[in-house]
Structures are given as structure tokens and as C-alpha cells.
């Protein structure tokens, strides 16, 4: 019959001391760039500037994406005018868009 062994902590290897664990943790923080991130976050001007630039970039991306999507939608709608069921509705929408363009051009 097998004897039950008491559950105990695994033996501590010489390289697993508190000092070595601390050094290993510091190496990981250094590898991840935590120090640089903290230094960056402590400078409010840099954080503000980066967020402004990111916001401008997102705004331009949104505008360009919307224009492309609208252009594709208008092209599809112009081709769908010949479809009998929805052609009349699409023609009215396109007339409205053209009228708005002419009003804005003045």
C-alpha cells in the first residue's frame, strides 16, 4: 500500500529566490517598455498632442471612408433606376441629391 505524502511546498530552487524573482520581474517590465510608458503619461502635453493628432487622423479617415461609401452607393443607385419596382423611389432620391448639390454650389 502506498503511503500518503504530506502536501508541502515544492523545494525552492536556488535561482528562485525573492531577489531573482524581482530581477526577472524588472526585466519583463523593461522588455514591455513600462518605464517609457510611465514617463510618457507623466507629460500631459505629449498625451494631449498625441490624442489631438489621433483625433484628426480618425476624422479624416471617417470623412474619406464616408465619401467613398456614398459614391459607391450613388453609383449603385444610378444603375438601379432601371429596376421597375424601386426605380421611381431611387430617381426621386437622386433628384433630391442633385437639387441639394445645386443649392450648395450657389
PDB file of N, CA and C in Angstrom:
ATOM      1  N   UNK A   1       0.827  -1.164   0.000  1.00  0.00           N
ATOM      2  CA  UNK A   1       0.000   0.000   0.000  1.00  0.00           C
ATOM      3  C   UNK A   1       0.879   1.238   0.000  1.00  0.00           C
ATOM      4  N   UNK A   2       0.456   2.245  -0.753  1.00  0.00           N
ATOM      5  CA  UNK A   2       1.253   3.461  -0.862  1.00  0.00           C
ATOM      6  C   UNK A   2       1.002   4.352   0.342  1.00  0.00           C
ATOM      7  N   UNK A   3       2.063   4.972   0.773  1.00  0.00           N
ATOM      8  CA  UNK A   3       1.932   5.902   1.887  1.00  0.00           C
ATOM      9  C   UNK A   3       1.526   7.268   1.359  1.00  0.00           C
ATOM     10  N   UNK A   4       0.696   7.958   2.130  1.00  0.00           N
ATOM     11  CA  UNK A   4       0.302   9.308   1.751  1.00  0.00           C
ATOM     12  C   UNK A   4       1.417  10.256   2.125  1.00  0.00           C
ATOM     13  N   UNK A   5       1.779  11.078   1.189  1.00  0.00           N
ATOM     14  CA  UNK A   5       2.804  12.077   1.453  1.00  0.00           C
ATOM     15  C   UNK A   5       2.114  13.368   1.854  1.00  0.00           C
ATOM     16  N   UNK A   6       2.694  14.039   2.785  1.00  0.00           N
ATOM     17  CA  UNK A   6       2.155  15.336   3.173  1.00  0.00           C
ATOM     18  C   UNK A   6       2.329  16.315   2.023  1.00  0.00           C
ATOM     19  N   UNK A   7       1.311  17.117   1.820  1.00  0.00           N
ATOM     20  CA  UNK A   7       1.398  18.130   0.775  1.00  0.00           C
ATOM     21  C   UNK A   7       2.228  19.276   1.320  1.00  0.00           C
ATOM     22  N   UNK A   8       3.307  19.522   0.667  1.00  0.00           N
ATOM     23  CA  UNK A   8       4.208  20.588   1.112  1.00  0.00           C
ATOM     24  C   UNK A   8       4.576  21.446  -0.084  1.00  0.00           C
ATOM     25  N   UNK A   9       5.133  22.572   0.202  1.00  0.00           N
ATOM     26  CA  UNK A   9       5.579  23.453  -0.868  1.00  0.00           C
ATOM     27  C   UNK A   9       6.733  22.796  -1.603  1.00  0.00           C
ATOM     28  N   UNK A  10       6.794  23.020  -2.895  1.00  0.00           N
ATOM     29  CA  UNK A  10       7.920  22.449  -3.636  1.00  0.00           C
ATOM     30  C   UNK A  10       9.221  23.060  -3.136  1.00  0.00           C
ATOM     31  N   UNK A  11      10.260  22.302  -3.223  1.00  0.00           N
ATOM     32  CA  UNK A  11      11.542  22.846  -2.755  1.00  0.00           C
ATOM     33  C   UNK A  11      11.943  24.069  -3.574  1.00  0.00           C
ATOM     34  N   UNK A  12      12.506  25.030  -2.907  1.00  0.00           N
ATOM     35  CA  UNK A  12      12.916  26.268  -3.558  1.00  0.00           C
ATOM     36  C   UNK A  12      14.243  26.035  -4.256  1.00  0.00           C
ATOM     37  N   UNK A  13      14.229  26.291  -5.545  1.00  0.00           N
ATOM     38  CA  UNK A  13      15.470  26.169  -6.295  1.00  0.00           C
ATOM     39  C   UNK A  13      16.332  27.377  -5.976  1.00  0.00           C
ATOM     40  N   UNK A  14      17.615  27.234  -6.069  1.00  0.00           N
ATOM     41  CA  UNK A  14      18.491  28.354  -5.725  1.00  0.00           C
ATOM     42  C   UNK A  14      18.239  29.595  -6.579  1.00  0.00           C
ATOM     43  N   UNK A  15      17.827  29.410  -7.829  1.00  0.00           N
ATOM     44  CA  UNK A  15      17.617  30.569  -8.691  1.00  0.00           C
ATOM     45  C   UNK A  15      16.235  31.202  -8.482  1.00  0.00           C
ATOM     46  N   UNK A  16      15.398  30.637  -7.643  1.00  0.00           N
ATOM     47  CA  UNK A  16      14.061  31.168  -7.423  1.00  0.00           C
ATOM     48  C   UNK A  16      13.947  31.919  -6.103  1.00  0.00           C
ATOM     49  N   UNK A  17      14.929  32.660  -5.749  1.00  0.00           N
ATOM     50  CA  UNK A  17      14.859  33.461  -4.535  1.00  0.00           C
ATOM     51  C   UNK A  17      14.065  34.728  -4.822  1.00  0.00           C
ATOM     52  N   UNK A  18      13.735  35.465  -3.782  1.00  0.00           N
ATOM     53  CA  UNK A  18      12.980  36.707  -3.949  1.00  0.00           C
ATOM     54  C   UNK A  18      13.740  37.700  -4.819  1.00  0.00           C
ATOM     55  N   UNK A  19      15.043  37.749  -4.619  1.00  0.00           N
ATOM     56  CA  UNK A  19      15.860  38.683  -5.398  1.00  0.00           C
ATOM     57  C   UNK A  19      15.830  38.325  -6.879  1.00  0.00           C
ATOM     58  N   UNK A  20      15.933  37.038  -7.178  1.00  0.00           N
ATOM     59  CA  UNK A  20      15.926  36.634  -8.586  1.00  0.00           C
ATOM     60  C   UNK A  20      14.544  36.850  -9.211  1.00  0.00           C
ATOM     61  N   UNK A  21      13.484  36.631  -8.416  1.00  0.00           N
ATOM     62  CA  UNK A  21      12.139  36.887  -8.932  1.00  0.00           C
ATOM     63  C   UNK A  21      11.942  38.373  -9.219  1.00  0.00           C
ATOM     64  N   UNK A  22      12.473  39.209  -8.329  1.00  0.00           N
ATOM     65  CA  UNK A  22      12.374  40.655  -8.525  1.00  0.00           C
ATOM     66  C   UNK A  22      13.131  41.079  -9.773  1.00  0.00           C
ATOM     67  N   UNK A  23      14.327  40.537  -9.952  1.00  0.00           N
ATOM     68  CA  UNK A  23      15.115  40.867 -11.137  1.00  0.00           C
ATOM     69  C   UNK A  23      14.391  40.422 -12.412  1.00  0.00           C
ATOM     70  N   UNK A  24      13.786  39.242 -12.350  1.00  0.00           N
ATOM     71  CA  UNK A  24      13.056  38.738 -13.516  1.00  0.00           C
ATOM     72  C   UNK A  24      11.861  39.642 -13.829  1.00  0.00           C
ATOM     73  N   UNK A  25      11.164  40.078 -12.796  1.00  0.00           N
ATOM     74  CA  UNK A  25      10.037  40.990 -12.998  1.00  0.00           C
ATOM     75  C   UNK A  25      10.481  42.308 -13.596  1.00  0.00           C
ATOM     76  N   UNK A  26      11.602  42.840 -13.124  1.00  0.00           N
ATOM     77  CA  UNK A  26      12.132  44.089 -13.670  1.00  0.00           C
ATOM     78  C   UNK A  26      12.535  43.928 -15.133  1.00  0.00           C
ATOM     79  N   UNK A  27      13.095  42.771 -15.470  1.00  0.00           N
ATOM     80  CA  UNK A  27      13.458  42.515 -16.869  1.00  0.00           C
ATOM     81  C   UNK A  27      12.208  42.523 -17.753  1.00  0.00           C
ATOM     82  N   UNK A  28      11.125  41.920 -17.243  1.00  0.00           N
ATOM     83  CA  UNK A  28       9.883  41.881 -18.026  1.00  0.00           C
ATOM     84  C   UNK A  28       9.308  43.283 -18.198  1.00  0.00           C
ATOM     85  N   UNK A  29       9.330  44.089 -17.125  1.00  0.00           N
ATOM     86  CA  UNK A  29       8.853  45.464 -17.235  1.00  0.00           C
ATOM     87  C   UNK A  29       9.692  46.245 -18.234  1.00  0.00           C
ATOM     88  N   UNK A  30      10.995  46.022 -18.205  1.00  0.00           N
ATOM     89  CA  UNK A  30      11.880  46.715 -19.136  1.00  0.00           C
ATOM     90  C   UNK A  30      11.580  46.279 -20.570  1.00  0.00           C
ATOM     91  N   UNK A  31      11.343  44.988 -20.758  1.00  0.00           N
ATOM     92  CA  UNK A  31      11.042  44.460 -22.085  1.00  0.00           C
ATOM     93  C   UNK A  31       9.739  45.051 -22.620  1.00  0.00           C
ATOM     94  N   UNK A  32       8.738  45.216 -21.767  1.00  0.00           N
ATOM     95  CA  UNK A  32       7.441  45.742 -22.188  1.00  0.00           C
ATOM     96  C   UNK A  32       7.437  47.254 -22.354  1.00  0.00           C
ATOM     97  N   UNK A  33       8.478  47.922 -21.904  1.00  0.00           N
ATOM     98  CA  UNK A  33       8.556  49.369 -22.038  1.00  0.00           C
ATOM     99  C   UNK A  33       7.672  50.114 -21.049  1.00  0.00           C
ATOM    100  N   UNK A  34       7.460  49.533 -19.889  1.00  0.00           N
ATOM    101  CA  UNK A  34       6.587  50.153 -18.894  1.00  0.00           C
ATOM    102  C   UNK A  34       7.167  51.481 -18.424  1.00  0.00           C
ATOM    103  N   UNK A  35       8.468  51.548 -18.263  1.00  0.00           N
ATOM    104  CA  UNK A  35       9.103  52.789 -17.814  1.00  0.00           C
ATOM    105  C   UNK A  35       8.886  53.925 -18.799  1.00  0.00           C
ATOM    106  N   UNK A  36       9.031  53.628 -20.073  1.00  0.00           N
ATOM    107  CA  UNK A  36       8.813  54.646 -21.100  1.00  0.00           C
ATOM    108  C   UNK A  36       7.349  55.089 -21.127  1.00  0.00           C
ATOM    109  N   UNK A  37       6.440  54.138 -20.916  1.00  0.00           N
ATOM    110  CA  UNK A  37       5.018  54.478 -20.903  1.00  0.00           C
ATOM    111  C   UNK A  37       4.686  55.381 -19.718  1.00  0.00           C
ATOM    112  N   UNK A  38       5.247  55.097 -18.570  1.00  0.00           N
ATOM    113  CA  UNK A  38       5.006  55.932 -17.390  1.00  0.00           C
ATOM    114  C   UNK A  38       5.580  57.326 -17.617  1.00  0.00           C
ATOM    115  N   UNK A  39       6.774  57.409 -18.191  1.00  0.00           N
ATOM    116  CA  UNK A  39       7.371  58.717 -18.477  1.00  0.00           C
ATOM    117  C   UNK A  39       6.506  59.494 -19.471  1.00  0.00           C
ATOM    118  N   UNK A  40       5.950  58.802 -20.444  1.00  0.00           N
ATOM    119  CA  UNK A  40       5.076  59.445 -21.426  1.00  0.00           C
ATOM    120  C   UNK A  40       3.800  59.962 -20.760  1.00  0.00           C
ATOM    121  N   UNK A  41       3.200  59.145 -19.907  1.00  0.00           N
ATOM    122  CA  UNK A  41       1.945  59.533 -19.267  1.00  0.00           C
ATOM    123  C   UNK A  41       2.125  60.656 -18.258  1.00  0.00           C
ATOM    124  N   UNK A  42       3.325  60.856 -17.782  1.00  0.00           N
ATOM    125  CA  UNK A  42       3.578  61.936 -16.823  1.00  0.00           C
ATOM    126  C   UNK A  42       3.702  63.296 -17.506  1.00  0.00           C
ATOM    127  N   UNK A  43       3.793  63.318 -18.822  1.00  0.00           N
ATOM    128  CA  UNK A  43       3.893  64.576 -19.555  1.00  0.00           C
ATOM    129  C   UNK A  43       2.540  64.862 -20.217  1.00  0.00           C
ATOM    130  N   UNK A  44       1.706  65.699 -19.602  1.00  0.00           N
ATOM    131  CA  UNK A  44       0.360  65.929 -20.140  1.00  0.00           C
ATOM    132  C   UNK A  44       0.360  66.545 -21.535  1.00  0.00           C
ATOM    133  N   UNK A  45       1.369  67.362 -21.864  1.00  0.00           N
ATOM    134  CA  UNK A  45       1.418  67.969 -23.194  1.00  0.00           C
ATOM    135  C   UNK A  45       1.563  66.894 -24.271  1.00  0.00           C
ATOM    136  N   UNK A  46       2.443  65.922 -24.044  1.00  0.00           N
ATOM    137  CA  UNK A  46       2.632  64.857 -25.036  1.00  0.00           C
ATOM    138  C   UNK A  46       1.360  64.033 -25.202  1.00  0.00           C
ATOM    139  N   UNK A  47       0.703  63.718 -24.093  1.00  0.00           N
ATOM    140  CA  UNK A  47      -0.532  62.935 -24.161  1.00  0.00           C
ATOM    141  C   UNK A  47      -1.601  63.711 -24.928  1.00  0.00           C
ATOM    142  N   UNK A  48      -1.744  65.008 -24.615  1.00  0.00           N
ATOM    143  CA  UNK A  48      -2.727  65.848 -25.296  1.00  0.00           C
ATOM    144  C   UNK A  48      -2.426  65.931 -26.789  1.00  0.00           C
ATOM    145  N   UNK A  49      -1.163  66.183 -27.137  1.00  0.00           N
ATOM    146  CA  UNK A  49      -0.766  66.315 -28.537  1.00  0.00           C
ATOM    147  C   UNK A  49      -1.030  65.019 -29.299  1.00  0.00           C
ATOM    148  N   UNK A  50      -0.675  63.890 -28.703  1.00  0.00           N
ATOM    149  CA  UNK A  50      -0.900  62.608 -29.365  1.00  0.00           C
ATOM    150  C   UNK A  50      -2.392  62.360 -29.577  1.00  0.00           C
ATOM    151  N   UNK A  51      -3.207  62.696 -28.595  1.00  0.00           N
ATOM    152  CA  UNK A  51      -4.647  62.496 -28.742  1.00  0.00           C
ATOM    153  C   UNK A  51      -5.248  63.427 -29.789  1.00  0.00           C
ATOM    154  N   UNK A  52      -4.738  64.655 -29.890  1.00  0.00           N
ATOM    155  CA  UNK A  52      -5.227  65.578 -30.920  1.00  0.00           C
ATOM    156  C   UNK A  52      -4.885  65.042 -32.307  1.00  0.00           C
ATOM    157  N   UNK A  53      -3.651  64.607 -32.487  1.00  0.00           N
ATOM    158  CA  UNK A  53      -3.233  64.068 -33.784  1.00  0.00           C
ATOM    159  C   UNK A  53      -4.038  62.814 -34.126  1.00  0.00           C
ATOM    160  N   UNK A  54      -4.255  61.947 -33.143  1.00  0.00           N
ATOM    161  CA  UNK A  54      -5.043  60.736 -33.386  1.00  0.00           C
ATOM    162  C   UNK A  54      -6.483  61.093 -33.746  1.00  0.00           C
ATOM    163  N   UNK A  55      -7.049  62.096 -33.091  1.00  0.00           N
ATOM    164  CA  UNK A  55      -8.415  62.523 -33.404  1.00  0.00           C
ATOM    165  C   UNK A  55      -8.536  63.088 -34.801  1.00  0.00           C
ATOM    166  N   UNK A  56      -7.545  63.877 -35.207  1.00  0.00           N
ATOM    167  CA  UNK A  56      -7.553  64.426 -36.570  1.00  0.00           C
ATOM    168  C   UNK A  56      -7.462  63.292 -37.591  1.00  0.00           C
ATOM    169  N   UNK A  57      -6.599  62.335 -37.323  1.00  0.00           N
ATOM    170  CA  UNK A  57      -6.469  61.189 -38.227  1.00  0.00           C
ATOM    171  C   UNK A  57      -7.756  60.393 -38.333  1.00  0.00           C
ATOM    172  N   UNK A  58      -8.412  60.168 -37.189  1.00  0.00           N
ATOM    173  CA  UNK A  58      -9.679  59.437 -37.222  1.00  0.00           C
ATOM    174  C   UNK A  58     -10.739  60.226 -37.992  1.00  0.00           C
ATOM    175  N   UNK A  59     -10.747  61.540 -37.802  1.00  0.00           N
ATOM    176  CA  UNK A  59     -11.724  62.376 -38.510  1.00  0.00           C
ATOM    177  C   UNK A  59     -11.544  62.317 -40.014  1.00  0.00           C
ATOM    178  N   UNK A  60     -10.294  62.432 -40.469  1.00  0.00           N
ATOM    179  CA  UNK A  60     -10.032  62.330 -41.909  1.00  0.00           C
ATOM    180  C   UNK A  60     -10.393  60.945 -42.429  1.00  0.00           C
ATOM    181  N   UNK A  61     -10.051  59.926 -41.687  1.00  0.00           N
ATOM    182  CA  UNK A  61     -10.389  58.568 -42.109  1.00  0.00           C
ATOM    183  C   UNK A  61     -11.887  58.361 -42.221  1.00  0.00           C
ATOM    184  N   UNK A  62     -12.612  58.882 -41.248  1.00  0.00           N
ATOM    185  CA  UNK A  62     -14.070  58.781 -41.283  1.00  0.00           C
ATOM    186  C   UNK A  62     -14.632  59.521 -42.492  1.00  0.00           C
ATOM    187  N   UNK A  63     -14.134  60.724 -42.748  1.00  0.00           N
ATOM    188  CA  UNK A  63     -14.643  61.528 -43.866  1.00  0.00           C
ATOM    189  C   UNK A  63     -14.362  60.854 -45.203  1.00  0.00           C
ATOM    190  N   UNK A  64     -13.146  60.379 -45.388  1.00  0.00           N
ATOM    191  CA  UNK A  64     -12.787  59.729 -46.654  1.00  0.00           C
ATOM    192  C   UNK A  64     -13.586  58.446 -46.837  1.00  0.00           C
ATOM    193  N   UNK A  65     -13.701  57.663 -45.780  1.00  0.00           N
ATOM    194  CA  UNK A  65     -14.476  56.425 -45.862  1.00  0.00           C
ATOM    195  C   UNK A  65     -15.935  56.677 -46.182  1.00  0.00           C
ATOM    196  N   UNK A  66     -16.511  57.700 -45.558  1.00  0.00           N
ATOM    197  CA  UNK A  66     -17.912  58.022 -45.832  1.00  0.00           C
ATOM    198  C   UNK A  66     -18.095  58.494 -47.268  1.00  0.00           C
ATOM    199  N   UNK A  67     -17.156  59.305 -47.772  1.00  0.00           N
ATOM    200  CA  UNK A  67     -17.268  59.775 -49.159  1.00  0.00           C
ATOM    201  C   UNK A  67     -17.198  58.606 -50.134  1.00  0.00           C
ATOM    202  N   UNK A  68     -16.284  57.680 -49.900  1.00  0.00           N
ATOM    203  CA  UNK A  68     -16.182  56.520 -50.788  1.00  0.00           C
ATOM    204  C   UNK A  68     -17.450  55.674 -50.734  1.00  0.00           C
ATOM    205  N   UNK A  69     -17.945  55.451 -49.531  1.00  0.00           N
ATOM    206  CA  UNK A  69     -19.162  54.662 -49.382  1.00  0.00           C
ATOM    207  C   UNK A  69     -20.349  55.352 -50.051  1.00  0.00           C
ATOM    208  N   UNK A  70     -20.470  56.660 -49.884  1.00  0.00           N
ATOM    209  CA  UNK A  70     -21.563  57.403 -50.516  1.00  0.00           C
ATOM    210  C   UNK A  70     -21.440  57.366 -52.036  1.00  0.00           C
ATOM    211  N   UNK A  71     -20.216  57.501 -52.559  1.00  0.00           N
ATOM    212  CA  UNK A  71     -20.019  57.461 -54.013  1.00  0.00           C
ATOM    213  C   UNK A  71     -20.412  56.098 -54.576  1.00  0.00           C
ATOM    214  N   UNK A  72     -20.018  55.049 -53.898  1.00  0.00           N
ATOM    215  CA  UNK A  72     -20.382  53.702 -54.360  1.00  0.00           C
ATOM    216  C   UNK A  72     -21.894  53.513 -54.294  1.00  0.00           C
ATOM    217  N   UNK A  73     -22.500  53.993 -53.218  1.00  0.00           N
ATOM    218  CA  UNK A  73     -23.950  53.869 -53.073  1.00  0.00           C
ATOM    219  C   UNK A  73     -24.680  54.636 -54.170  1.00  0.00           C
ATOM    220  N   UNK A  74     -24.209  55.825 -54.496  1.00  0.00           N
ATOM    221  CA  UNK A  74     -24.843  56.614 -55.561  1.00  0.00           C
ATOM    222  C   UNK A  74     -24.683  55.922 -56.912  1.00  0.00           C
ATOM    223  N   UNK A  75     -23.508  55.351 -57.174  1.00  0.00           N
ATOM    224  CA  UNK A  75     -23.319  54.620 -58.433  1.00  0.00           C
ATOM    225  C   UNK A  75     -24.266  53.431 -58.528  1.00  0.00           C
ATOM    226  N   UNK A  76     -24.406  52.706 -57.435  1.00  0.00           N
ATOM    227  CA  UNK A  76     -25.313  51.555 -57.436  1.00  0.00           C
ATOM    228  C   UNK A  76     -26.751  52.026 -57.632  1.00  0.00           C
ATOM    229  N   UNK A  77     -27.104  53.122 -56.986  1.00  0.00           N
ATOM    230  CA  UNK A  77     -28.471  53.637 -57.117  1.00  0.00           C
ATOM    231  C   UNK A  77     -28.751  54.112 -58.536  1.00  0.00           C
ATOM    232  N   UNK A  78     -27.773  54.729 -59.191  1.00  0.00           N
ATOM    233  CA  UNK A  78     -27.977  55.186 -60.573  1.00  0.00           C
ATOM    234  C   UNK A  78     -28.220  54.005 -61.504  1.00  0.00           C
ATOM    235  N   UNK A  79     -27.550  52.907 -61.241  1.00  0.00           N
ATOM    236  CA  UNK A  79     -27.749  51.728 -62.090  1.00  0.00           C
ATOM    237  C   UNK A  79     -29.058  51.021 -61.759  1.00  0.00           C
ATOM    238  N   UNK A  80     -29.534  51.198 -60.529  1.00  0.00           N
ATOM    239  CA  UNK A  80     -30.775  50.530 -60.126  1.00  0.00           C
ATOM    240  C   UNK A  80     -32.012  51.313 -60.536  1.00  0.00           C
ATOM    241  N   UNK A  81     -31.850  52.472 -61.158  1.00  0.00           N
ATOM    242  CA  UNK A  81     -33.003  53.273 -61.588  1.00  0.00           C
ATOM    243  C   UNK A  81     -33.825  52.504 -62.609  1.00  0.00           C
ATOM    244  N   UNK A  82     -33.187  51.671 -63.384  1.00  0.00           N
ATOM    245  CA  UNK A  82     -33.905  50.932 -64.423  1.00  0.00           C
ATOM    246  C   UNK A  82     -34.731  49.776 -63.862  1.00  0.00           C
ATOM    247  N   UNK A  83     -34.576  49.444 -62.595  1.00  0.00           N
ATOM    248  CA  UNK A  83     -35.382  48.384 -61.980  1.00  0.00           C
ATOM    249  C   UNK A  83     -36.783  48.948 -61.742  1.00  0.00           C
ATOM    250  N   UNK A  84     -37.824  48.292 -62.256  1.00  0.00           N
ATOM    251  CA  UNK A  84     -39.169  48.877 -62.215  1.00  0.00           C
ATOM    252  C   UNK A  84     -39.721  49.134 -60.805  1.00  0.00           C
ATOM    253  N   UNK A  85     -39.479  48.270 -59.868  1.00  0.00           N
ATOM    254  CA  UNK A  85     -40.107  48.384 -58.555  1.00  0.00           C
ATOM    255  C   UNK A  85     -39.543  49.545 -57.759  1.00  0.00           C
ATOM    256  N   UNK A  86     -38.224  49.638 -57.701  1.00  0.00           N
ATOM    257  CA  UNK A  86     -37.613  50.678 -56.867  1.00  0.00           C
ATOM    258  C   UNK A  86     -37.051  51.832 -57.677  1.00  0.00           C
ATOM    259  N   UNK A  87     -37.159  51.757 -58.976  1.00  0.00           N
ATOM    260  CA  UNK A  87     -36.586  52.796 -59.830  1.00  0.00           C
ATOM    261  C   UNK A  87     -37.150  54.176 -59.571  1.00  0.00           C
ATOM    262  N   UNK A  88     -38.462  54.261 -59.355  1.00  0.00           N
ATOM    263  CA  UNK A  88     -39.094  55.555 -59.104  1.00  0.00           C
ATOM    264  C   UNK A  88     -38.619  56.183 -57.807  1.00  0.00           C
ATOM    265  N   UNK A  89     -38.511  55.367 -56.772  1.00  0.00           N
ATOM    266  CA  UNK A  89     -38.044  55.885 -55.484  1.00  0.00           C
ATOM    267  C   UNK A  89     -36.600  56.376 -55.570  1.00  0.00           C
ATOM    268  N   UNK A  90     -35.774  55.588 -56.224  1.00  0.00           N
ATOM    269  CA  UNK A  90     -34.365  55.960 -56.346  1.00  0.00           C
ATOM    270  C   UNK A  90     -34.222  57.213 -57.203  1.00  0.00           C
ATOM    271  N   UNK A  91     -35.038  57.328 -58.244  1.00  0.00           N
ATOM    272  CA  UNK A  91     -34.981  58.525 -59.091  1.00  0.00           C
ATOM    273  C   UNK A  91     -35.316  59.774 -58.280  1.00  0.00           C
ATOM    274  N   UNK A  92     -36.317  59.684 -57.399  1.00  0.00           N
ATOM    275  CA  UNK A  92     -36.662  60.827 -56.548  1.00  0.00           C
ATOM    276  C   UNK A  92     -35.516  61.179 -55.600  1.00  0.00           C
ATOM    277  N   UNK A  93     -34.880  60.164 -55.043  1.00  0.00           N
ATOM    278  CA  UNK A  93     -33.746  60.407 -54.135  1.00  0.00           C
ATOM    279  C   UNK A  93     -32.611  61.087 -54.884  1.00  0.00           C
ATOM    280  N   UNK A  94     -32.311  60.597 -56.097  1.00  0.00           N
ATOM    281  CA  UNK A  94     -31.233  61.192 -56.886  1.00  0.00           C
ATOM    282  C   UNK A  94     -31.568  62.625 -57.292  1.00  0.00           C
ATOM    283  N   UNK A  95     -32.832  62.898 -57.605  1.00  0.00           N
ATOM    284  CA  UNK A  95     -33.237  64.268 -57.924  1.00  0.00           C
ATOM    285  C   UNK A  95     -33.043  65.179 -56.711  1.00  0.00           C
ATOM    286  N   UNK A  96     -33.387  64.670 -55.538  1.00  0.00           N
ATOM    287  CA  UNK A  96     -33.210  65.445 -54.310  1.00  0.00           C
ATOM    288  C   UNK A  96     -31.731  65.741 -54.067  1.00  0.00           C
ATOM    289  N   UNK A  97     -30.886  64.741 -54.275  1.00  0.00           N
ATOM    290  CA  UNK A  97     -29.439  64.927 -54.081  1.00  0.00           C
ATOM    291  C   UNK A  97     -28.909  65.971 -55.054  1.00  0.00           C
ATOM    292  N   UNK A  98     -29.322  65.897 -56.312  1.00  0.00           N
ATOM    293  CA  UNK A  98     -28.869  66.871 -57.308  1.00  0.00           C
ATOM    294  C   UNK A  98     -29.340  68.280 -56.959  1.00  0.00           C
ATOM    295  N   UNK A  99     -30.574  68.393 -56.485  1.00  0.00           N
ATOM    296  CA  UNK A  99     -31.091  69.709 -56.094  1.00  0.00           C
ATOM    297  C   UNK A  99     -30.275  70.277 -54.930  1.00  0.00           C
ATOM    298  N   UNK A 100     -29.919  69.429 -53.972  1.00  0.00           N
ATOM    299  CA  UNK A 100     -29.111  69.880 -52.837  1.00  0.00           C
ATOM    300  C   UNK A 100     -27.719  70.305 -53.292  1.00  0.00           C
ATOM    301  N   UNK A 101     -27.159  69.571 -54.230  1.00  0.00           N
ATOM    302  CA  UNK A 101     -25.829  69.935 -54.752  1.00  0.00           C
ATOM    303  C   UNK A 101     -25.861  71.304 -55.418  1.00  0.00           C
ATOM    304  N   UNK A 102     -26.898  71.531 -56.223  1.00  0.00           N
ATOM    305  CA  UNK A 102     -27.008  72.815 -56.919  1.00  0.00           C
ATOM    306  C   UNK A 102     -27.212  73.957 -55.938  1.00  0.00           C
ATOM    307  N   UNK A 103     -27.980  73.728 -54.879  1.00  0.00           N
ATOM    308  CA  UNK A 103     -28.199  74.772 -53.879  1.00  0.00           C
ATOM    309  C   UNK A 103     -26.908  75.086 -53.125  1.00  0.00           C
ATOM    310  N   UNK A 104     -26.104  74.078 -52.846  1.00  0.00           N
ATOM    311  CA  UNK A 104     -24.860  74.285 -52.108  1.00  0.00           C
ATOM    312  C   UNK A 104     -23.801  74.927 -52.985  1.00  0.00           C
ATOM    313  N   UNK A 105     -23.884  74.720 -54.306  1.00  0.00           N
ATOM    314  CA  UNK A 105     -22.894  75.284 -55.215  1.00  0.00           C
ATOM    315  C   UNK A 105     -23.088  76.787 -55.389  1.00  0.00           C
ATOM    316  N   UNK A 106     -24.258  77.288 -55.111  1.00  0.00           N
ATOM    317  CA  UNK A 106     -24.538  78.724 -55.299  1.00  0.00           C
ATOM    318  C   UNK A 106     -23.889  79.524 -54.265  1.00  0.00           C
TER     319      UNK A 106
END
